[in-house]
Amino acid sequence: MAQNVEVKCINKTDRSDPHERIKNIGGVNPNGSRWRMSVPDAIVAIEQGKYSFYVAAGGKSVWVVIAQHNGRKYLKTEPDGIHPNNLLALPECP
């Protein structure tokens, strides 16, 4: 069973393509230490059922899902009517 993990920050690339803007996701462990994971590693973790990532926004949580554009996989949140995508709206990871 996948472990639910909240994503609290991201690191963006300099690219303008919205499907390739995020290079890392990150958050805070229960012990207060920070974690960071590359998008390719996060995609593998989701596909293997190791982690289910989510973003808390506007008093509710939305799941991070794998999407594809021009044959390349990337991460986004499920549609929730909030723009921009909840992941892209997160602050930069330190």
C-alpha atoms as a PDB file:
ATOM      1  CA  MET A   1       0.000   0.000   0.000  1.00  0.00           C
ATOM      2  CA  ALA A   2       1.342   3.415  -0.977  1.00  0.00           C
ATOM      3  CA  GLN A   3       2.397   5.888   1.691  1.00  0.00           C
ATOM      4  CA  ASN A   4       0.581   9.243   1.399  1.00  0.00           C
ATOM      5  CA  VAL A   5       3.088  12.095   1.274  1.00  0.00           C
ATOM      6  CA  GLU A   6       2.305  15.825   1.168  1.00  0.00           C
ATOM      7  CA  VAL A   7       4.239  17.914  -1.349  1.00  0.00           C
ATOM      8  CA  LYS A   8       4.927  21.378   0.096  1.00  0.00           C
ATOM      9  CA  CYS A   9       7.473  22.814  -2.360  1.00  0.00           C
ATOM     10  CA  ILE A  10       8.968  22.394  -5.831  1.00  0.00           C
ATOM     11  CA  ASN A  11      12.057  23.377  -7.783  1.00  0.00           C
ATOM     12  CA  LYS A  12      11.383  24.691 -11.262  1.00  0.00           C
ATOM     13  CA  THR A  13      13.511  24.571 -14.368  1.00  0.00           C
ATOM     14  CA  ASP A  14      14.109  27.584 -16.587  1.00  0.00           C
ATOM     15  CA  ARG A  15      11.975  26.092 -19.338  1.00  0.00           C
ATOM     16  CA  SER A  16       8.793  27.796 -20.450  1.00  0.00           C
ATOM     17  CA  ASP A  17       6.993  24.540 -21.347  1.00  0.00           C
ATOM     18  CA  PRO A  18       4.407  24.026 -18.571  1.00  0.00           C
ATOM     19  CA  HIS A  19       4.832  20.244 -18.877  1.00  0.00           C
ATOM     20  CA  GLU A  20       8.552  20.423 -18.098  1.00  0.00           C
ATOM     21  CA  ARG A  21       8.729  23.197 -15.507  1.00  0.00           C
ATOM     22  CA  ILE A  22       9.110  21.109 -12.345  1.00  0.00           C
ATOM     23  CA  LYS A  23      12.356  19.214 -11.715  1.00  0.00           C
ATOM     24  CA  ASN A  24      11.946  18.354  -7.994  1.00  0.00           C
ATOM     25  CA  ILE A  25       9.157  18.030  -5.465  1.00  0.00           C
ATOM     26  CA  GLY A  26       9.719  18.254  -1.728  1.00  0.00           C
ATOM     27  CA  GLY A  27       8.241  18.492   1.705  1.00  0.00           C
ATOM     28  CA  VAL A  28       8.812  17.899   5.390  1.00  0.00           C
ATOM     29  CA  ASN A  29       9.196  14.518   7.108  1.00  0.00           C
ATOM     30  CA  PRO A  30       7.356  13.777  10.380  1.00  0.00           C
ATOM     31  CA  ASN A  31      10.635  14.375  12.267  1.00  0.00           C
ATOM     32  CA  GLY A  32      10.899  17.893  10.781  1.00  0.00           C
ATOM     33  CA  SER A  33      13.679  17.139   8.301  1.00  0.00           C
ATOM     34  CA  ARG A  34      13.183  18.159   4.685  1.00  0.00           C
ATOM     35  CA  TRP A  35      12.975  15.786   1.740  1.00  0.00           C
ATOM     36  CA  ARG A  36      13.337  16.373  -1.985  1.00  0.00           C
ATOM     37  CA  MET A  37      12.825  14.006  -4.918  1.00  0.00           C
ATOM     38  CA  SER A  38      13.358  14.415  -8.647  1.00  0.00           C
ATOM     39  CA  VAL A  39      10.272  14.225 -10.842  1.00  0.00           C
ATOM     40  CA  PRO A  40      11.520  11.055 -12.621  1.00  0.00           C
ATOM     41  CA  ASP A  41      12.064   9.369  -9.230  1.00  0.00           C
ATOM     42  CA  ALA A  42       8.629  10.498  -8.023  1.00  0.00           C
ATOM     43  CA  ILE A  43       7.012   9.101 -11.171  1.00  0.00           C
ATOM     44  CA  VAL A  44       8.702   5.724 -10.589  1.00  0.00           C
ATOM     45  CA  ALA A  45       7.624   5.766  -6.910  1.00  0.00           C
ATOM     46  CA  ILE A  46       3.993   6.407  -7.933  1.00  0.00           C
ATOM     47  CA  GLU A  47       4.076   3.749 -10.642  1.00  0.00           C
ATOM     48  CA  GLN A  48       5.567   1.197  -8.224  1.00  0.00           C
ATOM     49  CA  GLY A  49       2.923   2.002  -5.598  1.00  0.00           C
ATOM     50  CA  LYS A  50       5.496   3.183  -3.063  1.00  0.00           C
ATOM     51  CA  TYR A  51       4.134   6.731  -2.604  1.00  0.00           C
ATOM     52  CA  SER A  52       0.936   8.654  -3.314  1.00  0.00           C
ATOM     53  CA  PHE A  53       1.694  12.366  -3.340  1.00  0.00           C
ATOM     54  CA  TYR A  54      -0.835  15.102  -2.624  1.00  0.00           C
ATOM     55  CA  VAL A  55      -0.980  18.882  -2.316  1.00  0.00           C
ATOM     56  CA  ALA A  56      -3.071  20.636   0.334  1.00  0.00           C
ATOM     57  CA  ALA A  57      -4.623  23.818  -1.050  1.00  0.00           C
ATOM     58  CA  GLY A  58      -7.622  25.931  -0.190  1.00  0.00           C
ATOM     59  CA  GLY A  59      -8.605  23.717   2.730  1.00  0.00           C
ATOM     60  CA  LYS A  60      -8.673  20.517   0.695  1.00  0.00           C
ATOM     61  CA  SER A  61      -6.204  18.013  -0.693  1.00  0.00           C
ATOM     62  CA  VAL A  62      -5.699  17.002  -4.304  1.00  0.00           C
ATOM     63  CA  TRP A  63      -3.699  14.036  -5.560  1.00  0.00           C
ATOM     64  CA  VAL A  64      -0.581  14.394  -7.673  1.00  0.00           C
ATOM     65  CA  VAL A  65      -0.939  12.281 -10.808  1.00  0.00           C
ATOM     66  CA  ILE A  66       1.227  11.297 -13.749  1.00  0.00           C
ATOM     67  CA  ALA A  67       0.335  12.902 -17.068  1.00  0.00           C
ATOM     68  CA  GLN A  68       1.922  12.670 -20.487  1.00  0.00           C
ATOM     69  CA  HIS A  69       2.679  15.284 -23.138  1.00  0.00           C
ATOM     70  CA  ASN A  70       4.476  14.505 -26.405  1.00  0.00           C
ATOM     71  CA  GLY A  71       5.493  11.124 -24.996  1.00  0.00           C
ATOM     72  CA  ARG A  72       7.091  12.589 -21.843  1.00  0.00           C
ATOM     73  CA  LYS A  73       5.704  11.918 -18.385  1.00  0.00           C
ATOM     74  CA  TYR A  74       5.297  14.744 -15.894  1.00  0.00           C
ATOM     75  CA  LEU A  75       3.474  15.433 -12.631  1.00  0.00           C
ATOM     76  CA  LYS A  76       0.368  17.529 -12.101  1.00  0.00           C
ATOM     77  CA  THR A  77      -2.519  17.596  -9.674  1.00  0.00           C
ATOM     78  CA  GLU A  78      -5.938  16.223 -10.407  1.00  0.00           C
ATOM     79  CA  PRO A  79      -8.299  18.863 -11.783  1.00  0.00           C
ATOM     80  CA  ASP A  80      -9.871  20.859  -8.970  1.00  0.00           C
ATOM     81  CA  GLY A  81     -10.846  24.117 -10.668  1.00  0.00           C
ATOM     82  CA  ILE A  82      -7.908  26.041  -9.167  1.00  0.00           C
ATOM     83  CA  HIS A  83      -5.455  27.648 -11.571  1.00  0.00           C
ATOM     84  CA  PRO A  84      -2.538  27.514 -11.925  1.00  0.00           C
ATOM     85  CA  ASN A  85      -1.940  23.853 -11.256  1.00  0.00           C
ATOM     86  CA  ASN A  86      -1.506  23.388  -7.504  1.00  0.00           C
ATOM     87  CA  LEU A  87       2.033  22.023  -7.957  1.00  0.00           C
ATOM     88  CA  LEU A  88       3.173  25.033  -9.973  1.00  0.00           C
ATOM     89  CA  ALA A  89       1.738  27.355  -7.312  1.00  0.00           C
ATOM     90  CA  LEU A  90       3.899  25.873  -4.534  1.00  0.00           C
ATOM     91  CA  PRO A  91       6.937  27.774  -3.252  1.00  0.00           C
ATOM     92  CA  GLU A  92      10.487  26.875  -4.218  1.00  0.00           C
ATOM     93  CA  CYS A  93      12.182  24.220  -2.071  1.00  0.00           C
ATOM     94  CA  PRO A  94      15.191  25.498  -0.147  1.00  0.00           C
END
